[in-house]
Amino acid sequence: MAAPAKDDAVHNRLRQVRLERGISRRDFADAVGIHYQTVGYLERGEYSPSLPMALKIVAYFELPLESVFSLSPFPKVGEGD
């Protein structure tokens, strides 16, 4: 049996997507039904969303799940160009 992964963090691009679209934390939180402080925890990676929450978030942005959330870190802007 394989050992469980030590890093099961969910990485996200939530802040980048939200800022690109000019949406405040409070407006975003209201739209997806979470507290605005939770948005900060999510953006900093201090909290991983439940599957229903992640699906609400990507539905709000009309993006595929993997474009916002990943089990691997996203490359920094400008890397790989």
PDB file of N, CA and C in Angstrom:
ATOM      1  N   MET A   1       0.847  -1.188   0.000  1.00  0.00           N
ATOM      2  CA  MET A   1       0.000   0.000   0.000  1.00  0.00           C
ATOM      3  C   MET A   1       0.885   1.240   0.000  1.00  0.00           C
ATOM      4  N   ALA A   2       0.554   2.205  -0.848  1.00  0.00           N
ATOM      5  CA  ALA A   2       1.336   3.438  -0.945  1.00  0.00           C
ATOM      6  C   ALA A   2       1.034   4.343   0.239  1.00  0.00           C
ATOM      7  N   ALA A   3       2.045   5.074   0.655  1.00  0.00           N
ATOM      8  CA  ALA A   3       1.868   6.040   1.736  1.00  0.00           C
ATOM      9  C   ALA A   3       1.053   7.218   1.223  1.00  0.00           C
ATOM     10  N   PRO A   4       0.219   7.812   2.081  1.00  0.00           N
ATOM     11  CA  PRO A   4      -0.558   8.975   1.640  1.00  0.00           C
ATOM     12  C   PRO A   4       0.370  10.144   1.316  1.00  0.00           C
ATOM     13  N   ALA A   5      -0.059  10.950   0.362  1.00  0.00           N
ATOM     14  CA  ALA A   5       0.721  12.131  -0.022  1.00  0.00           C
ATOM     15  C   ALA A   5       0.788  13.091   1.150  1.00  0.00           C
ATOM     16  N   LYS A   6       1.965  13.659   1.363  1.00  0.00           N
ATOM     17  CA  LYS A   6       2.131  14.608   2.472  1.00  0.00           C
ATOM     18  C   LYS A   6       1.576  15.971   2.111  1.00  0.00           C
ATOM     19  N   ASP A   7       1.654  16.333   0.839  1.00  0.00           N
ATOM     20  CA  ASP A   7       1.163  17.638   0.413  1.00  0.00           C
ATOM     21  C   ASP A   7      -0.097  17.438  -0.417  1.00  0.00           C
ATOM     22  N   ASP A   8      -1.247  17.585   0.229  1.00  0.00           N
ATOM     23  CA  ASP A   8      -2.505  17.448  -0.498  1.00  0.00           C
ATOM     24  C   ASP A   8      -3.166  18.808  -0.698  1.00  0.00           C
ATOM     25  N   ALA A   9      -2.327  19.842  -0.736  1.00  0.00           N
ATOM     26  CA  ALA A   9      -2.829  21.200  -0.928  1.00  0.00           C
ATOM     27  C   ALA A   9      -3.440  21.353  -2.309  1.00  0.00           C
ATOM     28  N   VAL A  10      -4.470  22.172  -2.372  1.00  0.00           N
ATOM     29  CA  VAL A  10      -5.086  22.525  -3.640  1.00  0.00           C
ATOM     30  C   VAL A  10      -4.575  23.915  -4.008  1.00  0.00           C
ATOM     31  N   HIS A  11      -3.883  23.995  -5.134  1.00  0.00           N
ATOM     32  CA  HIS A  11      -3.352  25.267  -5.620  1.00  0.00           C
ATOM     33  C   HIS A  11      -4.413  25.927  -6.496  1.00  0.00           C
ATOM     34  N   ASN A  12      -4.392  27.240  -6.540  1.00  0.00           N
ATOM     35  CA  ASN A  12      -5.404  27.919  -7.347  1.00  0.00           C
ATOM     36  C   ASN A  12      -4.888  29.212  -7.951  1.00  0.00           C
ATOM     37  N   ARG A  13      -5.622  29.654  -8.943  1.00  0.00           N
ATOM     38  CA  ARG A  13      -5.392  30.946  -9.606  1.00  0.00           C
ATOM     39  C   ARG A  13      -6.552  31.889  -9.327  1.00  0.00           C
ATOM     40  N   LEU A  14      -7.206  31.676  -8.237  1.00  0.00           N
ATOM     41  CA  LEU A  14      -8.412  32.431  -7.921  1.00  0.00           C
ATOM     42  C   LEU A  14      -8.159  33.940  -7.888  1.00  0.00           C
ATOM     43  N   ARG A  15      -7.103  34.365  -7.216  1.00  0.00           N
ATOM     44  CA  ARG A  15      -6.826  35.796  -7.110  1.00  0.00           C
ATOM     45  C   ARG A  15      -6.587  36.406  -8.493  1.00  0.00           C
ATOM     46  N   GLN A  16      -5.766  35.726  -9.309  1.00  0.00           N
ATOM     47  CA  GLN A  16      -5.466  36.255 -10.633  1.00  0.00           C
ATOM     48  C   GLN A  16      -6.723  36.401 -11.476  1.00  0.00           C
ATOM     49  N   VAL A  17      -7.567  35.387 -11.465  1.00  0.00           N
ATOM     50  CA  VAL A  17      -8.799  35.426 -12.264  1.00  0.00           C
ATOM     51  C   VAL A  17      -9.724  36.528 -11.755  1.00  0.00           C
ATOM     52  N   ARG A  18      -9.867  36.611 -10.442  1.00  0.00           N
ATOM     53  CA  ARG A  18     -10.755  37.622  -9.858  1.00  0.00           C
ATOM     54  C   ARG A  18     -10.275  39.029 -10.204  1.00  0.00           C
ATOM     55  N   LEU A  19      -8.966  39.269 -10.064  1.00  0.00           N
ATOM     56  CA  LEU A  19      -8.427  40.601 -10.353  1.00  0.00           C
ATOM     57  C   LEU A  19      -8.487  40.938 -11.836  1.00  0.00           C
ATOM     58  N   GLU A  20      -8.206  39.951 -12.695  1.00  0.00           N
ATOM     59  CA  GLU A  20      -8.293  40.188 -14.145  1.00  0.00           C
ATOM     60  C   GLU A  20      -9.687  40.644 -14.544  1.00  0.00           C
ATOM     61  N   ARG A  21     -10.674  40.168 -13.812  1.00  0.00           N
ATOM     62  CA  ARG A  21     -12.065  40.514 -14.149  1.00  0.00           C
ATOM     63  C   ARG A  21     -12.582  41.710 -13.363  1.00  0.00           C
ATOM     64  N   GLY A  22     -11.730  42.274 -12.504  1.00  0.00           N
ATOM     65  CA  GLY A  22     -12.108  43.477 -11.758  1.00  0.00           C
ATOM     66  C   GLY A  22     -13.189  43.245 -10.715  1.00  0.00           C
ATOM     67  N   ILE A  23     -13.161  42.095 -10.069  1.00  0.00           N
ATOM     68  CA  ILE A  23     -14.195  41.739  -9.094  1.00  0.00           C
ATOM     69  C   ILE A  23     -13.606  41.839  -7.692  1.00  0.00           C
ATOM     70  N   SER A  24     -14.300  42.529  -6.803  1.00  0.00           N
ATOM     71  CA  SER A  24     -13.829  42.652  -5.419  1.00  0.00           C
ATOM     72  C   SER A  24     -14.038  41.330  -4.680  1.00  0.00           C
ATOM     73  N   ARG A  25     -13.294  41.171  -3.592  1.00  0.00           N
ATOM     74  CA  ARG A  25     -13.476  39.965  -2.760  1.00  0.00           C
ATOM     75  C   ARG A  25     -14.915  39.867  -2.266  1.00  0.00           C
ATOM     76  N   ARG A  26     -15.439  40.991  -1.818  1.00  0.00           N
ATOM     77  CA  ARG A  26     -16.797  40.980  -1.252  1.00  0.00           C
ATOM     78  C   ARG A  26     -17.840  40.626  -2.316  1.00  0.00           C
ATOM     79  N   ASP A  27     -17.738  41.208  -3.502  1.00  0.00           N
ATOM     80  CA  ASP A  27     -18.697  40.896  -4.569  1.00  0.00           C
ATOM     81  C   ASP A  27     -18.592  39.428  -4.988  1.00  0.00           C
ATOM     82  N   PHE A  28     -17.361  38.937  -5.082  1.00  0.00           N
ATOM     83  CA  PHE A  28     -17.159  37.536  -5.436  1.00  0.00           C
ATOM     84  C   PHE A  28     -17.746  36.624  -4.359  1.00  0.00           C
ATOM     85  N   ALA A  29     -17.455  36.924  -3.108  1.00  0.00           N
ATOM     86  CA  ALA A  29     -17.965  36.115  -1.996  1.00  0.00           C
ATOM     87  C   ALA A  29     -19.489  36.077  -2.002  1.00  0.00           C
ATOM     88  N   ASP A  30     -20.113  37.225  -2.193  1.00  0.00           N
ATOM     89  CA  ASP A  30     -21.576  37.281  -2.239  1.00  0.00           C
ATOM     90  C   ASP A  30     -22.123  36.440  -3.384  1.00  0.00           C
ATOM     91  N   ALA A  31     -21.450  36.479  -4.519  1.00  0.00           N
ATOM     92  CA  ALA A  31     -21.929  35.760  -5.706  1.00  0.00           C
ATOM     93  C   ALA A  31     -21.875  34.242  -5.528  1.00  0.00           C
ATOM     94  N   VAL A  32     -20.864  33.750  -4.810  1.00  0.00           N
ATOM     95  CA  VAL A  32     -20.741  32.288  -4.649  1.00  0.00           C
ATOM     96  C   VAL A  32     -21.208  31.793  -3.287  1.00  0.00           C
ATOM     97  N   GLY A  33     -21.668  32.711  -2.425  1.00  0.00           N
ATOM     98  CA  GLY A  33     -22.266  32.316  -1.156  1.00  0.00           C
ATOM     99  C   GLY A  33     -21.274  31.935  -0.063  1.00  0.00           C
ATOM    100  N   ILE A  34     -20.137  32.655  -0.014  1.00  0.00           N
ATOM    101  CA  ILE A  34     -19.173  32.423   1.053  1.00  0.00           C
ATOM    102  C   ILE A  34     -18.840  33.749   1.716  1.00  0.00           C
ATOM    103  N   HIS A  35     -18.202  33.701   2.873  1.00  0.00           N
ATOM    104  CA  HIS A  35     -17.797  34.914   3.580  1.00  0.00           C
ATOM    105  C   HIS A  35     -16.610  35.530   2.841  1.00  0.00           C
ATOM    106  N   TYR A  36     -16.540  36.853   2.795  1.00  0.00           N
ATOM    107  CA  TYR A  36     -15.460  37.505   2.043  1.00  0.00           C
ATOM    108  C   TYR A  36     -14.081  37.159   2.595  1.00  0.00           C
ATOM    109  N   GLN A  37     -13.972  36.895   3.906  1.00  0.00           N
ATOM    110  CA  GLN A  37     -12.673  36.516   4.468  1.00  0.00           C
ATOM    111  C   GLN A  37     -12.227  35.143   3.971  1.00  0.00           C
ATOM    112  N   THR A  38     -13.184  34.282   3.668  1.00  0.00           N
ATOM    113  CA  THR A  38     -12.870  32.966   3.126  1.00  0.00           C
ATOM    114  C   THR A  38     -12.174  33.099   1.775  1.00  0.00           C
ATOM    115  N   VAL A  39     -12.550  34.111   1.014  1.00  0.00           N
ATOM    116  CA  VAL A  39     -11.900  34.346  -0.282  1.00  0.00           C
ATOM    117  C   VAL A  39     -10.405  34.563  -0.068  1.00  0.00           C
ATOM    118  N   GLY A  40     -10.036  35.347   0.918  1.00  0.00           N
ATOM    119  CA  GLY A  40      -8.621  35.582   1.223  1.00  0.00           C
ATOM    120  C   GLY A  40      -7.913  34.299   1.611  1.00  0.00           C
ATOM    121  N   TYR A  41      -8.549  33.475   2.441  1.00  0.00           N
ATOM    122  CA  TYR A  41      -7.947  32.198   2.839  1.00  0.00           C
ATOM    123  C   TYR A  41      -7.731  31.298   1.625  1.00  0.00           C
ATOM    124  N   LEU A  42      -8.712  31.272   0.739  1.00  0.00           N
ATOM    125  CA  LEU A  42      -8.593  30.467  -0.477  1.00  0.00           C
ATOM    126  C   LEU A  42      -7.451  30.981  -1.354  1.00  0.00           C
ATOM    127  N   GLU A  43      -7.414  32.292  -1.565  1.00  0.00           N
ATOM    128  CA  GLU A  43      -6.410  32.875  -2.446  1.00  0.00           C
ATOM    129  C   GLU A  43      -4.987  32.664  -1.932  1.00  0.00           C
ATOM    130  N   ARG A  44      -4.818  32.674  -0.630  1.00  0.00           N
ATOM    131  CA  ARG A  44      -3.486  32.470  -0.044  1.00  0.00           C
ATOM    132  C   ARG A  44      -3.136  30.993   0.128  1.00  0.00           C
ATOM    133  N   GLY A  45      -4.066  30.107  -0.198  1.00  0.00           N
ATOM    134  CA  GLY A  45      -3.810  28.681  -0.055  1.00  0.00           C
ATOM    135  C   GLY A  45      -3.885  28.185   1.375  1.00  0.00           C
ATOM    136  N   GLU A  46      -4.505  28.964   2.249  1.00  0.00           N
ATOM    137  CA  GLU A  46      -4.644  28.580   3.652  1.00  0.00           C
ATOM    138  C   GLU A  46      -5.868  27.693   3.874  1.00  0.00           C
ATOM    139  N   TYR A  47      -6.674  27.568   2.838  1.00  0.00           N
ATOM    140  CA  TYR A  47      -7.917  26.801   2.927  1.00  0.00           C
ATOM    141  C   TYR A  47      -8.177  26.200   1.562  1.00  0.00           C
ATOM    142  N   SER A  48      -8.502  24.919   1.541  1.00  0.00           N
ATOM    143  CA  SER A  48      -8.848  24.255   0.281  1.00  0.00           C
ATOM    144  C   SER A  48     -10.357  24.144   0.184  1.00  0.00           C
ATOM    145  N   PRO A  49     -10.915  24.472  -0.967  1.00  0.00           N
ATOM    146  CA  PRO A  49     -12.373  24.447  -1.096  1.00  0.00           C
ATOM    147  C   PRO A  49     -12.909  23.023  -1.170  1.00  0.00           C
ATOM    148  N   SER A  50     -14.136  22.861  -0.731  1.00  0.00           N
ATOM    149  CA  SER A  50     -14.828  21.587  -0.952  1.00  0.00           C
ATOM    150  C   SER A  50     -15.108  21.479  -2.448  1.00  0.00           C
ATOM    151  N   LEU A  51     -15.435  20.288  -2.901  1.00  0.00           N
ATOM    152  CA  LEU A  51     -15.755  20.126  -4.317  1.00  0.00           C
ATOM    153  C   LEU A  51     -16.953  20.987  -4.720  1.00  0.00           C
ATOM    154  N   PRO A  52     -18.045  21.002  -3.939  1.00  0.00           N
ATOM    155  CA  PRO A  52     -19.166  21.874  -4.333  1.00  0.00           C
ATOM    156  C   PRO A  52     -18.763  23.348  -4.419  1.00  0.00           C
ATOM    157  N   MET A  53     -17.912  23.813  -3.473  1.00  0.00           N
ATOM    158  CA  MET A  53     -17.477  25.207  -3.513  1.00  0.00           C
ATOM    159  C   MET A  53     -16.613  25.464  -4.748  1.00  0.00           C
ATOM    160  N   ALA A  54     -15.696  24.565  -5.046  1.00  0.00           N
ATOM    161  CA  ALA A  54     -14.835  24.723  -6.229  1.00  0.00           C
ATOM    162  C   ALA A  54     -15.684  24.769  -7.494  1.00  0.00           C
ATOM    163  N   LEU A  55     -16.701  23.934  -7.575  1.00  0.00           N
ATOM    164  CA  LEU A  55     -17.570  23.920  -8.755  1.00  0.00           C
ATOM    165  C   LEU A  55     -18.384  25.206  -8.870  1.00  0.00           C
ATOM    166  N   LYS A  56     -18.835  25.758  -7.743  1.00  0.00           N
ATOM    167  CA  LYS A  56     -19.541  27.043  -7.775  1.00  0.00           C
ATOM    168  C   LYS A  56     -18.617  28.151  -8.261  1.00  0.00           C
ATOM    169  N   ILE A  57     -17.364  28.108  -7.803  1.00  0.00           N
ATOM    170  CA  ILE A  57     -16.395  29.140  -8.180  1.00  0.00           C
ATOM    171  C   ILE A  57     -16.137  29.112  -9.678  1.00  0.00           C
ATOM    172  N   VAL A  58     -15.849  27.940 -10.225  1.00  0.00           N
ATOM    173  CA  VAL A  58     -15.549  27.883 -11.661  1.00  0.00           C
ATOM    174  C   VAL A  58     -16.791  28.157 -12.503  1.00  0.00           C
ATOM    175  N   ALA A  59     -17.962  27.796 -12.003  1.00  0.00           N
ATOM    176  CA  ALA A  59     -19.196  28.115 -12.726  1.00  0.00           C
ATOM    177  C   ALA A  59     -19.393  29.635 -12.774  1.00  0.00           C
ATOM    178  N   TYR A  60     -19.097  30.301 -11.674  1.00  0.00           N
ATOM    179  CA  TYR A  60     -19.218  31.761 -11.628  1.00  0.00           C
ATOM    180  C   TYR A  60     -18.314  32.407 -12.675  1.00  0.00           C
ATOM    181  N   PHE A  61     -17.084  31.917 -12.797  1.00  0.00           N
ATOM    182  CA  PHE A  61     -16.140  32.470 -13.764  1.00  0.00           C
ATOM    183  C   PHE A  61     -16.312  31.886 -15.164  1.00  0.00           C
ATOM    184  N   GLU A  62     -17.174  30.873 -15.292  1.00  0.00           N
ATOM    185  CA  GLU A  62     -17.393  30.183 -16.571  1.00  0.00           C
ATOM    186  C   GLU A  62     -16.077  29.658 -17.140  1.00  0.00           C
ATOM    187  N   LEU A  63     -15.329  28.970 -16.264  1.00  0.00           N
ATOM    188  CA  LEU A  63     -14.042  28.382 -16.628  1.00  0.00           C
ATOM    189  C   LEU A  63     -14.024  26.906 -16.238  1.00  0.00           C
ATOM    190  N   PRO A  64     -13.186  26.104 -16.907  1.00  0.00           N
ATOM    191  CA  PRO A  64     -13.046  24.713 -16.496  1.00  0.00           C
ATOM    192  C   PRO A  64     -12.307  24.630 -15.145  1.00  0.00           C
ATOM    193  N   LEU A  65     -12.621  23.618 -14.380  1.00  0.00           N
ATOM    194  CA  LEU A  65     -12.046  23.433 -13.051  1.00  0.00           C
ATOM    195  C   LEU A  65     -10.521  23.507 -13.067  1.00  0.00           C
ATOM    196  N   GLU A  66      -9.899  22.824 -14.021  1.00  0.00           N
ATOM    197  CA  GLU A  66      -8.435  22.743 -14.046  1.00  0.00           C
ATOM    198  C   GLU A  66      -7.754  24.059 -14.428  1.00  0.00           C
ATOM    199  N   SER A  67      -8.501  25.031 -14.897  1.00  0.00           N
ATOM    200  CA  SER A  67      -7.884  26.327 -15.200  1.00  0.00           C
ATOM    201  C   SER A  67      -7.791  27.207 -13.950  1.00  0.00           C
ATOM    202  N   VAL A  68      -8.510  26.827 -12.891  1.00  0.00           N
ATOM    203  CA  VAL A  68      -8.492  27.602 -11.650  1.00  0.00           C
ATOM    204  C   VAL A  68      -7.852  26.817 -10.503  1.00  0.00           C
ATOM    205  N   PHE A  69      -8.081  25.508 -10.452  1.00  0.00           N
ATOM    206  CA  PHE A  69      -7.586  24.678  -9.354  1.00  0.00           C
ATOM    207  C   PHE A  69      -6.688  23.566  -9.871  1.00  0.00           C
ATOM    208  N   SER A  70      -5.669  23.211  -9.059  1.00  0.00           N
ATOM    209  CA  SER A  70      -4.741  22.151  -9.434  1.00  0.00           C
ATOM    210  C   SER A  70      -4.129  21.532  -8.182  1.00  0.00           C
ATOM    211  N   LEU A  71      -3.705  20.276  -8.289  1.00  0.00           N
ATOM    212  CA  LEU A  71      -2.961  19.639  -7.203  1.00  0.00           C
ATOM    213  C   LEU A  71      -1.475  19.968  -7.290  1.00  0.00           C
ATOM    214  N   SER A  72      -1.042  20.563  -8.402  1.00  0.00           N
ATOM    215  CA  SER A  72       0.341  20.995  -8.601  1.00  0.00           C
ATOM    216  C   SER A  72       0.370  22.513  -8.651  1.00  0.00           C
ATOM    217  N   PRO A  73       1.457  23.117  -8.213  1.00  0.00           N
ATOM    218  CA  PRO A  73       1.537  24.578  -8.304  1.00  0.00           C
ATOM    219  C   PRO A  73       1.473  25.042  -9.754  1.00  0.00           C
ATOM    220  N   PHE A  74       0.813  26.157  -9.969  1.00  0.00           N
ATOM    221  CA  PHE A  74       0.767  26.763 -11.301  1.00  0.00           C
ATOM    222  C   PHE A  74       2.105  27.457 -11.544  1.00  0.00           C
ATOM    223  N   PRO A  75       2.576  27.512 -12.803  1.00  0.00           N
ATOM    224  CA  PRO A  75       3.806  28.270 -13.075  1.00  0.00           C
ATOM    225  C   PRO A  75       3.584  29.748 -12.798  1.00  0.00           C
ATOM    226  N   LYS A  76       4.642  30.421 -12.408  1.00  0.00           N
ATOM    227  CA  LYS A  76       4.556  31.864 -12.185  1.00  0.00           C
ATOM    228  C   LYS A  76       4.323  32.549 -13.526  1.00  0.00           C
ATOM    229  N   VAL A  77       3.720  33.710 -13.496  1.00  0.00           N
ATOM    230  CA  VAL A  77       3.483  34.482 -14.712  1.00  0.00           C
ATOM    231  C   VAL A  77       4.825  34.764 -15.375  1.00  0.00           C
ATOM    232  N   GLY A  78       4.917  34.479 -16.668  1.00  0.00           N
ATOM    233  CA  GLY A  78       6.143  34.715 -17.411  1.00  0.00           C
ATOM    234  C   GLY A  78       7.055  33.512 -17.510  1.00  0.00           C
ATOM    235  N   GLU A  79       6.825  32.466 -16.686  1.00  0.00           N
ATOM    236  CA  GLU A  79       7.632  31.261 -16.764  1.00  0.00           C
ATOM    237  C   GLU A  79       7.190  30.437 -17.961  1.00  0.00           C
ATOM    238  N   GLY A  80       8.125  29.865 -18.651  1.00  0.00           N
ATOM    239  CA  GLY A  80       7.811  28.983 -19.761  1.00  0.00           C
ATOM    240  C   GLY A  80       7.468  29.695 -21.047  1.00  0.00           C
ATOM    241  N   ASP A  81       7.661  31.011 -21.086  1.00  0.00           N
ATOM    242  CA  ASP A  81       7.366  31.761 -22.320  1.00  0.00           C
ATOM    243  C   ASP A  81       8.472  31.590 -23.329  1.00  0.00           C
TER     244      ASP A  81
END
